[in-house]
């Protein structure tokens, strides 16, 4: 079972690498933010998959904190965009 979870984690890490390319050459800030969100979501998935493989239940808490930080990042990005559109 752990080999299966590790292979799924590897696929998610390939998605993170693809997202990193989009962050670097994204045509607009919104595209870059969406790619960063994809990378964050995939990273959370990797952490959740590694928790049972490594037998470290604290990784679930780490994934929860990362998901909360991702929500704050999107909120800050949209607030900044709304404030700049009014100028």
N, C-alpha and C. Protein backbone atom coordinates (compact mmCIF):
# COMPACT_ATOMS: atom_id res chain seq x y z
N UNK A 1 0.81 -1.19 0.00
CA UNK A 1 0.00 0.00 0.00
C UNK A 1 0.86 1.26 0.00
N UNK A 2 1.98 1.20 0.71
CA UNK A 2 2.82 2.40 0.77
C UNK A 2 3.46 2.70 -0.57
N UNK A 3 3.72 1.68 -1.38
CA UNK A 3 4.27 1.93 -2.72
C UNK A 3 3.25 2.66 -3.59
N UNK A 4 1.99 2.29 -3.43
CA UNK A 4 0.93 2.98 -4.18
C UNK A 4 0.82 4.44 -3.76
N UNK A 5 0.86 4.69 -2.46
CA UNK A 5 0.76 6.06 -1.96
C UNK A 5 1.97 6.89 -2.41
N UNK A 6 3.14 6.28 -2.42
CA UNK A 6 4.33 7.00 -2.87
C UNK A 6 4.26 7.31 -4.37
N UNK A 7 3.69 6.41 -5.15
CA UNK A 7 3.57 6.68 -6.59
C UNK A 7 2.57 7.80 -6.85
N UNK A 8 1.49 7.84 -6.11
CA UNK A 8 0.53 8.94 -6.25
C UNK A 8 1.18 10.25 -5.83
N UNK A 9 1.98 10.23 -4.76
CA UNK A 9 2.71 11.43 -4.33
C UNK A 9 3.67 11.90 -5.41
N UNK A 10 4.29 10.97 -6.11
CA UNK A 10 5.20 11.33 -7.19
C UNK A 10 4.46 12.01 -8.34
N UNK A 11 3.26 11.51 -8.66
CA UNK A 11 2.44 12.15 -9.69
C UNK A 11 2.06 13.56 -9.28
N UNK A 12 1.70 13.74 -8.03
CA UNK A 12 1.36 15.08 -7.54
C UNK A 12 2.56 16.01 -7.59
N UNK A 13 3.74 15.48 -7.30
CA UNK A 13 4.94 16.31 -7.37
C UNK A 13 5.26 16.71 -8.81
N UNK A 14 4.91 15.88 -9.77
CA UNK A 14 5.07 16.26 -11.18
C UNK A 14 4.12 17.40 -11.51
N UNK A 15 2.93 17.38 -10.94
CA UNK A 15 2.00 18.50 -11.11
C UNK A 15 2.52 19.78 -10.49
N UNK A 16 3.21 19.66 -9.37
CA UNK A 16 3.82 20.82 -8.74
C UNK A 16 4.89 21.42 -9.65
N UNK A 17 5.67 20.55 -10.27
CA UNK A 17 6.71 21.03 -11.20
C UNK A 17 6.09 21.75 -12.39
N UNK A 18 5.00 21.23 -12.90
CA UNK A 18 4.31 21.90 -14.02
C UNK A 18 3.74 23.25 -13.58
N UNK A 19 3.24 23.32 -12.36
CA UNK A 19 2.74 24.58 -11.83
C UNK A 19 3.84 25.60 -11.64
N UNK A 20 5.03 25.14 -11.29
CA UNK A 20 6.15 26.04 -11.12
C UNK A 20 6.51 26.73 -12.43
N UNK A 21 6.38 26.03 -13.52
CA UNK A 21 6.63 26.64 -14.83
C UNK A 21 5.60 27.72 -15.10
N UNK A 22 4.34 27.47 -14.77
CA UNK A 22 3.28 28.46 -14.99
C UNK A 22 3.48 29.68 -14.10
N UNK A 23 3.97 29.48 -12.88
CA UNK A 23 4.24 30.62 -12.00
C UNK A 23 5.35 31.47 -12.59
N UNK A 24 6.34 30.85 -13.18
CA UNK A 24 7.48 31.59 -13.72
C UNK A 24 7.12 32.36 -14.99
N UNK A 25 6.30 31.79 -15.86
CA UNK A 25 6.02 32.45 -17.14
C UNK A 25 4.54 32.73 -17.36
N UNK A 26 3.77 32.81 -16.28
CA UNK A 26 2.33 33.05 -16.42
C UNK A 26 2.05 34.38 -17.09
N UNK A 27 1.02 34.43 -17.95
CA UNK A 27 0.75 35.67 -18.66
C UNK A 27 0.17 36.78 -17.78
N UNK A 28 -0.49 36.43 -16.69
CA UNK A 28 -1.07 37.46 -15.84
C UNK A 28 -0.88 37.08 -14.37
N UNK A 29 -1.00 38.06 -13.49
CA UNK A 29 -0.88 37.74 -12.06
C UNK A 29 -1.95 36.74 -11.58
N UNK A 30 -3.14 36.79 -12.17
CA UNK A 30 -4.18 35.84 -11.78
C UNK A 30 -3.80 34.42 -12.15
N UNK A 31 -3.21 34.24 -13.33
CA UNK A 31 -2.75 32.90 -13.73
C UNK A 31 -1.66 32.41 -12.80
N UNK A 32 -0.78 33.29 -12.41
CA UNK A 32 0.29 32.90 -11.50
C UNK A 32 -0.26 32.52 -10.13
N UNK A 33 -1.26 33.26 -9.66
CA UNK A 33 -1.85 32.94 -8.36
C UNK A 33 -2.58 31.61 -8.41
N UNK A 34 -3.28 31.35 -9.50
CA UNK A 34 -3.98 30.07 -9.62
C UNK A 34 -2.98 28.91 -9.67
N UNK A 35 -1.85 29.11 -10.35
CA UNK A 35 -0.82 28.07 -10.39
C UNK A 35 -0.22 27.86 -9.00
N UNK A 36 -0.04 28.94 -8.26
CA UNK A 36 0.47 28.81 -6.89
C UNK A 36 -0.52 28.07 -6.01
N UNK A 37 -1.81 28.30 -6.22
CA UNK A 37 -2.83 27.57 -5.47
C UNK A 37 -2.81 26.08 -5.83
N UNK A 38 -2.62 25.79 -7.12
CA UNK A 38 -2.51 24.40 -7.55
C UNK A 38 -1.32 23.73 -6.89
N UNK A 39 -0.20 24.44 -6.84
CA UNK A 39 0.99 23.89 -6.20
C UNK A 39 0.75 23.66 -4.70
N UNK A 40 0.07 24.59 -4.06
CA UNK A 40 -0.22 24.44 -2.64
C UNK A 40 -1.15 23.27 -2.36
N UNK A 41 -2.17 23.13 -3.20
CA UNK A 41 -3.11 22.02 -3.02
C UNK A 41 -2.41 20.69 -3.27
N UNK A 42 -1.59 20.63 -4.28
CA UNK A 42 -0.84 19.39 -4.55
C UNK A 42 0.14 19.10 -3.42
N UNK A 43 0.78 20.13 -2.90
CA UNK A 43 1.69 19.94 -1.77
C UNK A 43 0.98 19.41 -0.54
N UNK A 44 -0.23 19.90 -0.30
CA UNK A 44 -1.02 19.39 0.82
C UNK A 44 -1.37 17.93 0.59
N UNK A 45 -1.70 17.59 -0.66
CA UNK A 45 -1.98 16.20 -0.98
C UNK A 45 -0.77 15.30 -0.76
N UNK A 46 0.40 15.78 -1.14
CA UNK A 46 1.62 15.01 -0.93
C UNK A 46 1.87 14.79 0.56
N UNK A 47 1.68 15.83 1.34
CA UNK A 47 1.89 15.71 2.79
C UNK A 47 0.90 14.71 3.39
N UNK A 48 -0.36 14.78 2.95
CA UNK A 48 -1.35 13.85 3.48
C UNK A 48 -1.07 12.42 3.05
N UNK A 49 -0.51 12.23 1.86
CA UNK A 49 -0.16 10.88 1.43
C UNK A 49 1.06 10.35 2.17
N UNK A 50 1.98 11.23 2.54
CA UNK A 50 3.18 10.79 3.23
C UNK A 50 2.95 10.52 4.73
N UNK A 51 1.87 11.07 5.28
CA UNK A 51 1.62 10.89 6.72
C UNK A 51 1.50 9.41 7.10
N UNK A 52 0.68 8.61 6.41
CA UNK A 52 0.63 7.19 6.81
C UNK A 52 1.88 6.40 6.39
N UNK A 53 2.51 6.81 5.29
CA UNK A 53 3.70 6.08 4.84
C UNK A 53 4.84 6.24 5.84
N UNK A 54 5.04 7.46 6.32
CA UNK A 54 6.11 7.73 7.28
C UNK A 54 5.69 7.49 8.73
N UNK A 55 4.40 7.22 8.94
CA UNK A 55 3.83 6.99 10.28
C UNK A 55 4.06 8.20 11.19
N UNK A 56 3.81 9.39 10.63
CA UNK A 56 3.94 10.64 11.39
C UNK A 56 2.58 11.34 11.34
N UNK A 57 1.74 11.14 12.34
CA UNK A 57 0.40 11.74 12.30
C UNK A 57 0.42 13.27 12.39
N UNK A 58 1.52 13.85 12.84
CA UNK A 58 1.61 15.31 12.93
C UNK A 58 1.60 15.96 11.55
N UNK A 59 1.90 15.20 10.50
CA UNK A 59 1.87 15.76 9.14
C UNK A 59 0.46 16.16 8.73
N UNK A 60 -0.54 15.53 9.30
CA UNK A 60 -1.92 15.92 9.01
C UNK A 60 -2.18 17.33 9.53
N UNK A 61 -1.64 17.65 10.70
CA UNK A 61 -1.77 19.00 11.24
C UNK A 61 -1.03 20.01 10.38
N UNK A 62 0.12 19.63 9.87
CA UNK A 62 0.89 20.51 8.99
C UNK A 62 0.09 20.80 7.72
N UNK A 63 -0.55 19.78 7.17
CA UNK A 63 -1.37 19.97 5.96
C UNK A 63 -2.54 20.90 6.25
N UNK A 64 -3.13 20.78 7.41
CA UNK A 64 -4.24 21.67 7.78
C UNK A 64 -3.77 23.12 7.87
N UNK A 65 -2.63 23.35 8.47
CA UNK A 65 -2.08 24.71 8.56
C UNK A 65 -1.79 25.27 7.18
N UNK A 66 -1.21 24.45 6.30
CA UNK A 66 -0.94 24.91 4.93
C UNK A 66 -2.23 25.26 4.19
N UNK A 67 -3.29 24.50 4.42
CA UNK A 67 -4.55 24.82 3.74
C UNK A 67 -5.13 26.14 4.26
N UNK A 68 -4.99 26.40 5.54
CA UNK A 68 -5.46 27.67 6.09
C UNK A 68 -4.63 28.84 5.55
N UNK A 69 -3.33 28.66 5.42
CA UNK A 69 -2.48 29.70 4.85
C UNK A 69 -2.81 29.96 3.39
N UNK A 70 -3.18 28.93 2.66
CA UNK A 70 -3.56 29.10 1.25
C UNK A 70 -4.82 29.95 1.13
N UNK A 71 -5.77 29.74 2.02
CA UNK A 71 -6.99 30.54 1.99
C UNK A 71 -6.69 32.00 2.31
N UNK A 72 -5.79 32.25 3.24
CA UNK A 72 -5.40 33.62 3.57
C UNK A 72 -4.69 34.27 2.39
N UNK A 73 -3.86 33.50 1.69
CA UNK A 73 -3.13 34.05 0.54
C UNK A 73 -4.08 34.48 -0.57
N UNK A 74 -5.09 33.68 -0.84
CA UNK A 74 -6.06 34.04 -1.88
C UNK A 74 -6.85 35.27 -1.46
N UNK A 75 -7.23 35.34 -0.21
CA UNK A 75 -7.97 36.50 0.28
C UNK A 75 -7.12 37.76 0.16
N UNK A 76 -5.87 37.69 0.53
CA UNK A 76 -4.98 38.85 0.43
C UNK A 76 -4.79 39.25 -1.03
N UNK A 77 -4.66 38.28 -1.92
CA UNK A 77 -4.47 38.57 -3.34
C UNK A 77 -5.70 39.27 -3.92
N UNK A 78 -6.89 38.78 -3.61
CA UNK A 78 -8.10 39.40 -4.16
C UNK A 78 -8.34 40.77 -3.55
N UNK A 79 -8.04 40.94 -2.28
CA UNK A 79 -8.20 42.26 -1.65
C UNK A 79 -7.25 43.27 -2.29
N UNK A 80 -6.03 42.85 -2.56
CA UNK A 80 -5.05 43.73 -3.18
C UNK A 80 -5.48 44.10 -4.59
N UNK A 81 -6.01 43.13 -5.31
CA UNK A 81 -6.46 43.39 -6.68
C UNK A 81 -7.65 44.34 -6.68
N UNK A 82 -8.56 44.19 -5.74
CA UNK A 82 -9.72 45.07 -5.66
C UNK A 82 -9.30 46.49 -5.29
N UNK A 83 -8.32 46.62 -4.41
CA UNK A 83 -7.85 47.94 -3.99
C UNK A 83 -7.13 48.63 -5.14
N UNK A 84 -6.39 47.90 -5.95
CA UNK A 84 -5.66 48.50 -7.08
C UNK A 84 -6.58 48.85 -8.24
N UNK A 85 -7.70 48.16 -8.39
CA UNK A 85 -8.62 48.46 -9.48
C UNK A 85 -9.34 49.79 -9.25
N UNK A 86 -9.47 50.21 -8.00
CA UNK A 86 -10.15 51.46 -7.71
C UNK A 86 -9.30 52.69 -8.00
N UNK A 87 -7.99 52.53 -8.14
CA UNK A 87 -7.09 53.68 -8.37
C UNK A 87 -7.13 54.15 -9.79
